[in-house]
Amino acid sequence: MTLDWKRISAALLALAAAGVLFAWAGLLDVRASTGHWRVTDWFLHWVMRSSVRTASLGKEPPAFTPAMLPLAAGHYEIGCAGCHGSPALPPPVAAQNMLPPPPDMNEVSGSWSDAELFEIVRHGVRYTGMPAWPAPNRDDEVWAMVAFLRAYPQIDSDTYRRLAGFSATQSRDFARVLQTCEGCHSSERLDRDSLIPRLSGQSEAYLRDSLEAFVSGRRPSGVMRAALSQVAQEDRQKLAMLYANQPLTDQIDGTSVERGKTLAQLGDRERGIPACTACHDRTGANPAYPQLAGQSAPYLQNQLRLFKAGTRGGGPFAEIMTKAATGLSIEDIKALAAYYSTLSRN
């Protein structure tokens, strides 16, 4: 039996053309949100481990000394913590949604030899976002980082801050955190069309519960979870206190929308819609409930739609609002949002 090379060549060309057509048509999924197939994930990690193992053959680590740790910790805080997190702060949410996500150093450091860690830190890893060491000829720095990674599981937050120095204790000070928050929530930036809420004058309890809900994911928001993922808990508590005590500014006046006013004050028993004023914007209200008066109509509409869809989440009383919003129609939501946006806070 002889091989028909013409047919084989034609078949290979047809296969190659089909692959090009498949890619050109946009059918190859490159979205990070969908993840890899299990076999793809296994294969990529197997290839990586095999490559690192082979490349690390023959490398002998130097003797590690305590002096290596401060050098490596300072670089880790600036160059690595932004993806991997640190003993002081968890990794940013944006990094956790990379494909593959940057690994937790507590889990990784013990799964590689010193020589293999050197290979990864020194040369990086393609298709993962892991960069090569910025100074190609400084193997001494790379070995210091290997020593740091080896010690990483035993380093607590206080020790890490001491080792890393100013960058870990001052780069995210409260003044900078507040400046970041004000970049969106400053009263001067908000108008009647804003999708961003006013925080000034809300109760400290509500703001604190909301911030913790964003951080934990109980209240879904990629924007807020990313913004807060590198903010320490004590700073989140300071933010709640600060905004709760800010004076109200730029209050909105105007005529009420009758339909929204009726729903807000009386509800609709037949449709199972409770009165908003039973919980919100009244004397003696639970401080964990937000004030609605003066918020922009677009922001309120968006929050009510999220509650109605069951995707809003939030503090310990969010479930009450999810049930209350179930019976609201789109017209009800618009009316309520318009009504509360015209009110001034007391």
Protein backbone atom coordinates (compact mmCIF):
# COMPACT_ATOMS: atom_id res chain seq x y z
CA MET A 1 0.00 0.00 0.00
CA THR A 2 1.47 3.31 -1.08
CA LEU A 3 0.74 6.67 0.47
CA ASP A 4 -1.04 9.20 -1.69
CA TRP A 5 0.97 12.26 -0.77
CA LYS A 6 -1.17 14.55 -2.92
CA ARG A 7 -4.28 13.61 -0.96
CA ILE A 8 -2.49 13.88 2.35
CA SER A 9 -1.15 17.33 1.42
CA ALA A 10 -4.58 18.44 0.25
CA ALA A 11 -6.16 17.20 3.48
CA LEU A 12 -3.56 19.07 5.58
CA LEU A 13 -4.10 22.27 3.59
CA ALA A 14 -7.86 21.91 3.97
CA LEU A 15 -7.46 21.41 7.73
CA ALA A 16 -5.23 24.48 7.99
CA ALA A 17 -7.69 26.54 5.94
CA ALA A 18 -10.54 25.38 8.16
CA GLY A 19 -8.58 26.48 11.24
CA VAL A 20 -7.90 29.91 9.75
CA LEU A 21 -11.56 30.26 8.77
CA PHE A 22 -12.64 29.21 12.28
CA ALA A 23 -10.41 31.87 13.85
CA TRP A 24 -11.37 34.53 11.30
CA ALA A 25 -15.07 33.94 11.93
CA GLY A 26 -14.53 34.81 15.59
CA LEU A 27 -15.72 31.44 16.85
CA LEU A 28 -12.64 30.86 19.01
CA ASP A 29 -13.63 31.99 22.51
CA VAL A 30 -10.97 34.25 24.05
CA ARG A 31 -13.12 35.58 26.92
CA ALA A 32 -11.44 35.32 30.30
CA SER A 33 -14.84 35.11 32.00
CA THR A 34 -15.62 31.69 30.51
CA GLY A 35 -12.46 30.03 31.81
CA HIS A 36 -10.61 27.11 30.21
CA TRP A 37 -11.88 23.64 29.52
CA ARG A 38 -10.54 21.29 32.20
CA VAL A 39 -8.34 19.50 29.72
CA THR A 40 -6.99 22.85 28.47
CA ASP A 41 -6.24 24.02 32.01
CA TRP A 42 -4.55 20.73 32.85
CA PHE A 43 -2.50 20.76 29.65
CA LEU A 44 -1.29 24.34 30.06
CA HIS A 45 -0.24 23.77 33.67
CA TRP A 46 1.42 20.48 32.75
CA VAL A 47 3.37 22.18 29.97
CA MET A 48 4.37 25.00 32.34
CA ARG A 49 5.56 22.66 35.09
CA SER A 50 7.48 20.51 32.64
CA SER A 51 9.15 23.56 31.09
CA VAL A 52 10.08 25.09 34.45
CA ARG A 53 11.38 21.76 35.76
CA THR A 54 13.65 21.27 32.75
CA ALA A 55 14.88 24.88 32.66
CA SER A 56 15.76 24.80 36.36
CA LEU A 57 18.04 21.75 36.10
CA GLY A 58 21.54 22.45 37.36
CA LYS A 59 20.71 25.66 39.26
CA GLU A 60 22.04 25.72 42.79
CA PRO A 61 20.55 28.26 45.21
CA PRO A 62 22.86 30.33 47.39
CA ALA A 63 22.61 30.32 51.15
CA PHE A 64 19.57 32.37 52.14
CA THR A 65 20.07 35.07 54.76
CA PRO A 66 17.60 37.30 56.70
CA ALA A 67 19.05 40.33 54.89
CA MET A 68 17.44 39.14 51.66
CA LEU A 69 13.92 39.56 53.00
CA PRO A 70 13.63 43.38 53.24
CA LEU A 71 15.05 43.78 49.72
CA ALA A 72 12.54 41.32 48.32
CA ALA A 73 9.59 42.50 50.43
CA GLY A 74 9.93 46.08 49.21
CA HIS A 75 9.87 44.93 45.59
CA TYR A 76 7.04 42.49 46.26
CA GLU A 77 4.84 45.27 47.65
CA ILE A 78 5.43 47.48 44.61
CA GLY A 79 5.63 44.91 41.83
CA CYS A 80 3.77 41.78 42.96
CA ALA A 81 1.13 42.56 45.60
CA GLY A 82 -1.02 44.29 43.00
CA CYS A 83 -1.78 40.86 41.50
CA HIS A 84 -0.99 38.31 44.21
CA GLY A 85 -2.01 40.23 47.31
CA SER A 86 0.20 40.27 50.39
CA PRO A 87 0.11 39.32 54.08
CA ALA A 88 -1.24 42.86 54.67
CA LEU A 89 -3.96 43.00 51.99
CA PRO A 90 -5.80 40.52 49.74
CA PRO A 91 -5.29 40.54 45.96
CA PRO A 92 -7.34 43.08 43.97
CA VAL A 93 -10.58 41.78 42.52
CA ALA A 94 -9.50 42.64 38.98
CA ALA A 95 -6.50 40.34 39.34
CA GLN A 96 -8.66 37.49 40.65
CA ASN A 97 -10.63 37.63 37.39
CA MET A 98 -7.55 37.17 35.19
CA LEU A 99 -7.13 33.88 33.32
CA PRO A 100 -5.37 32.18 34.90
CA PRO A 101 -5.77 34.07 38.20
CA PRO A 102 -2.49 34.91 39.96
CA PRO A 103 -1.91 32.22 42.58
CA ASP A 104 -1.91 32.68 46.35
CA MET A 105 1.71 32.70 47.42
CA ASN A 106 0.86 30.70 50.56
CA GLU A 107 -0.18 27.83 48.31
CA VAL A 108 2.49 28.20 45.65
CA SER A 109 5.73 28.64 47.54
CA GLY A 110 5.82 25.08 48.83
CA SER A 111 4.95 23.44 45.51
CA TRP A 112 8.13 24.47 43.69
CA SER A 113 11.81 23.91 44.42
CA ASP A 114 14.12 26.90 44.97
CA ALA A 115 15.57 26.47 41.49
CA GLU A 116 12.10 26.33 39.94
CA LEU A 117 11.00 29.47 41.79
CA PHE A 118 14.13 31.18 40.47
CA GLU A 119 13.21 30.19 36.92
CA ILE A 120 9.67 31.58 37.27
CA VAL A 121 10.69 34.85 38.92
CA ARG A 122 13.67 35.39 36.63
CA HIS A 123 12.00 34.67 33.29
CA GLY A 124 8.25 34.99 33.92
CA VAL A 125 5.63 32.76 32.31
CA ARG A 126 4.08 33.33 28.91
CA TYR A 127 0.29 33.65 28.55
CA THR A 128 -0.20 34.24 32.28
CA GLY A 129 0.66 37.91 32.85
CA MET A 130 3.68 36.90 34.98
CA PRO A 131 6.51 39.22 33.79
CA ALA A 132 10.21 38.52 33.64
CA TRP A 133 12.48 40.13 36.22
CA PRO A 134 13.04 43.76 35.18
CA ALA A 135 16.84 43.62 35.52
CA PRO A 136 18.12 40.60 33.50
CA ASN A 137 21.57 40.52 35.08
CA ARG A 138 20.57 40.71 38.74
CA ASP A 139 20.31 37.08 39.74
CA ASP A 140 21.13 38.14 43.30
CA GLU A 141 17.83 40.03 43.46
CA VAL A 142 15.94 37.07 42.06
CA TRP A 143 17.42 34.74 44.68
CA ALA A 144 16.41 37.25 47.37
CA MET A 145 12.85 37.03 46.06
CA VAL A 146 13.06 33.23 46.16
CA ALA A 147 14.12 33.47 49.82
CA PHE A 148 11.17 35.76 50.49
CA LEU A 149 8.70 33.41 48.76
CA ARG A 150 10.06 30.48 50.71
CA ALA A 151 9.46 32.39 53.98
CA TYR A 152 6.13 33.85 52.83
CA PRO A 153 3.75 31.42 54.61
CA GLN A 154 5.31 32.33 57.97
CA ILE A 155 5.19 36.13 57.45
CA ASP A 156 2.26 37.88 59.15
CA SER A 157 0.87 41.34 58.38
CA ASP A 158 2.97 43.24 60.93
CA THR A 159 6.18 41.48 59.91
CA TYR A 160 5.44 42.14 56.24
CA ARG A 161 4.85 45.85 56.84
CA ARG A 162 8.10 46.06 58.77
CA LEU A 163 10.02 44.26 56.03
CA ALA A 164 8.45 46.19 53.14
CA GLY A 165 8.88 49.56 54.83
CA PHE A 166 7.17 52.75 53.73
CA SER A 167 5.50 51.34 50.64
CA ALA A 168 3.30 48.98 52.62
CA THR A 169 2.34 51.47 55.32
CA GLN A 170 2.03 54.77 53.46
CA SER A 171 1.12 54.08 49.82
CA ARG A 172 -2.50 53.39 50.82
CA ASP A 173 -2.91 55.87 53.68
CA PHE A 174 -6.38 57.13 54.51
CA ALA A 175 -5.92 60.48 52.78
CA ARG A 176 -5.30 58.67 49.50
CA VAL A 177 -8.25 56.33 50.07
CA LEU A 178 -10.55 59.29 50.71
CA GLN A 179 -9.25 61.12 47.65
CA THR A 180 -10.12 58.06 45.55
CA CYS A 181 -13.65 57.90 46.99
CA GLU A 182 -14.21 61.61 46.47
CA GLY A 183 -13.22 61.20 42.82
CA CYS A 184 -16.68 59.63 42.34
CA HIS A 185 -18.81 60.54 45.35
CA SER A 186 -17.91 64.20 45.89
CA SER A 187 -21.10 66.28 46.01
CA GLU A 188 -19.64 68.66 43.45
CA ARG A 189 -19.53 65.85 40.89
CA LEU A 190 -23.10 64.65 41.34
CA ASP A 191 -26.17 66.03 39.60
CA ARG A 192 -29.74 64.90 38.95
CA ASP A 193 -28.60 62.47 36.23
CA SER A 194 -25.87 60.74 38.25
CA LEU A 195 -25.73 56.98 38.55
CA ILE A 196 -23.46 57.43 41.58
CA PRO A 197 -25.15 57.79 44.99
CA ARG A 198 -24.79 60.65 47.45
CA LEU A 199 -23.14 59.40 50.64
CA SER A 200 -23.23 62.59 52.70
CA GLY A 201 -25.66 62.34 55.59
CA GLN A 202 -26.36 58.61 55.29
CA SER A 203 -26.15 56.82 58.63
CA GLU A 204 -22.83 55.36 59.66
CA ALA A 205 -24.47 51.95 60.15
CA TYR A 206 -25.86 51.84 56.61
CA LEU A 207 -22.59 52.98 55.05
CA ARG A 208 -20.55 50.51 57.09
CA ASP A 209 -22.87 47.62 56.21
CA SER A 210 -22.79 48.59 52.54
CA LEU A 211 -19.00 48.76 52.37
CA GLU A 212 -18.65 45.36 54.03
CA ALA A 213 -21.28 43.90 51.69
CA PHE A 214 -19.38 45.18 48.65
CA VAL A 215 -16.10 43.70 49.94
CA SER A 216 -17.62 40.29 50.70
CA GLY A 217 -19.55 40.18 47.42
CA ARG A 218 -22.96 40.02 49.14
CA ARG A 219 -23.76 43.23 47.27
CA PRO A 220 -22.41 42.67 43.75
CA SER A 221 -20.51 45.52 42.10
CA GLY A 222 -17.32 45.14 40.12
CA VAL A 223 -16.65 48.86 40.49
CA MET A 224 -17.02 49.00 44.26
CA ARG A 225 -15.45 45.64 45.02
CA ALA A 226 -12.38 46.59 43.02
CA ALA A 227 -12.25 50.04 44.63
CA LEU A 228 -12.43 48.57 48.14
CA SER A 229 -10.39 45.42 47.71
CA GLN A 230 -7.20 47.18 48.75
CA VAL A 231 -8.78 49.29 51.52
CA ALA A 232 -8.20 48.02 55.06
CA GLN A 233 -11.22 47.40 57.31
CA GLU A 234 -10.29 50.19 59.69
CA ASP A 235 -10.21 52.63 56.77
CA ARG A 236 -13.64 51.44 55.60
CA GLN A 237 -14.97 52.23 59.07
CA LYS A 238 -13.39 55.68 58.89
CA LEU A 239 -15.05 56.29 55.53
CA ALA A 240 -18.47 55.37 56.93
CA MET A 241 -17.99 57.73 59.87
CA LEU A 242 -16.70 60.57 57.69
CA TYR A 243 -19.49 60.48 55.10
CA ALA A 244 -22.16 60.05 57.79
CA ASN A 245 -20.97 63.30 59.39
CA GLN A 246 -20.56 65.30 56.18
CA PRO A 247 -23.01 68.21 55.88
CA LEU A 248 -25.62 67.85 53.17
CA THR A 249 -24.96 70.01 50.14
CA ASP A 250 -26.59 70.63 46.79
CA GLN A 251 -30.00 69.56 47.98
CA ILE A 252 -32.57 69.11 45.25
CA ASP A 253 -35.92 70.94 45.42
CA GLY A 254 -38.90 70.50 43.16
CA THR A 255 -42.51 69.33 42.92
CA SER A 256 -43.33 65.75 43.82
CA VAL A 257 -44.52 63.19 41.36
CA GLU A 258 -47.99 62.21 42.55
CA ARG A 259 -47.80 58.56 41.62
CA GLY A 260 -44.43 58.15 43.29
CA LYS A 261 -45.63 60.04 46.34
CA THR A 262 -48.68 57.79 46.68
CA LEU A 263 -46.59 54.62 46.38
CA ALA A 264 -44.00 55.96 48.79
CA GLN A 265 -46.50 56.95 51.44
CA LEU A 266 -49.25 54.34 51.03
CA GLY A 267 -47.85 51.48 48.95
CA ASP A 268 -50.26 49.21 47.07
CA ARG A 269 -51.79 46.42 49.14
CA GLU A 270 -53.39 44.64 46.20
CA ARG A 271 -49.99 44.14 44.58
CA GLY A 272 -48.14 43.52 47.83
CA ILE A 273 -46.12 46.74 47.64
CA PRO A 274 -45.40 48.23 51.10
CA ALA A 275 -45.09 51.95 51.73
CA CYS A 276 -41.50 53.14 51.39
CA THR A 277 -41.97 55.54 54.32
CA ALA A 278 -42.48 52.57 56.64
CA CYS A 279 -38.70 52.20 56.60
CA HIS A 280 -37.06 55.11 54.78
CA ASP A 281 -36.68 58.84 55.47
CA ARG A 282 -38.67 59.00 58.66
CA THR A 283 -37.96 59.93 62.25
CA GLY A 284 -36.76 57.00 64.30
CA ALA A 285 -35.97 54.84 61.25
CA ASN A 286 -33.48 52.01 61.55
CA PRO A 287 -30.09 53.68 60.90
CA ALA A 288 -29.13 50.70 58.72
CA TYR A 289 -31.74 51.81 56.15
CA PRO A 290 -30.54 54.38 53.58
CA GLN A 291 -32.05 57.82 53.07
CA LEU A 292 -33.58 58.16 49.61
CA ALA A 293 -34.42 61.87 49.44
CA GLY A 294 -32.13 63.85 47.16
CA GLN A 295 -30.60 60.88 45.37
CA SER A 296 -30.61 61.15 41.59
CA ALA A 297 -33.50 59.50 39.74
CA PRO A 298 -31.21 57.36 37.50
CA TYR A 299 -29.37 55.99 40.54
CA LEU A 300 -32.60 55.12 42.37
CA GLN A 301 -34.10 53.51 39.26
CA ASN A 302 -31.05 51.34 38.83
CA GLN A 303 -31.04 50.20 42.47
CA LEU A 304 -34.77 49.37 42.40
CA ARG A 305 -34.32 47.38 39.18
CA LEU A 306 -31.51 45.42 40.82
CA PHE A 307 -33.65 44.70 43.88
CA LYS A 308 -36.57 43.63 41.68
CA ALA A 309 -34.28 41.26 39.76
CA GLY A 310 -32.93 39.84 43.04
CA THR A 311 -29.32 40.75 42.23
CA ARG A 312 -28.77 43.81 44.43
CA GLY A 313 -27.74 42.26 47.74
CA GLY A 314 -26.35 44.45 50.50
CA GLY A 315 -26.42 44.67 54.27
CA PRO A 316 -28.33 42.50 56.76
CA PHE A 317 -31.73 43.94 55.68
CA ALA A 318 -31.31 43.68 51.90
CA GLU A 319 -33.70 40.73 51.70
CA ILE A 320 -36.55 42.94 52.97
CA MET A 321 -36.05 45.33 50.10
CA THR A 322 -35.79 42.51 47.56
CA LYS A 323 -39.26 41.30 48.62
CA ALA A 324 -40.67 44.83 48.68
CA ALA A 325 -39.52 45.53 45.11
CA THR A 326 -40.89 42.33 43.61
CA GLY A 327 -44.27 43.82 42.70
CA LEU A 328 -42.97 47.10 41.29
CA SER A 329 -43.51 47.74 37.60
CA ILE A 330 -41.11 49.75 35.46
CA GLU A 331 -43.52 52.70 35.71
CA ASP A 332 -43.62 52.36 39.51
CA ILE A 333 -39.83 52.41 39.66
CA LYS A 334 -39.62 55.54 37.52
CA ALA A 335 -42.29 57.28 39.60
CA LEU A 336 -40.67 56.46 42.93
CA ALA A 337 -37.24 57.51 41.67
CA ALA A 338 -38.61 60.80 40.34
CA TYR A 339 -40.46 61.51 43.60
CA TYR A 340 -37.51 60.91 45.91
CA SER A 341 -35.10 62.80 43.64
CA THR A 342 -37.20 65.97 44.12
CA LEU A 343 -37.16 65.82 47.91
CA SER A 344 -34.74 67.55 50.23
CA ARG A 345 -33.28 65.71 53.16
CA ASN A 346 -34.32 66.76 56.61
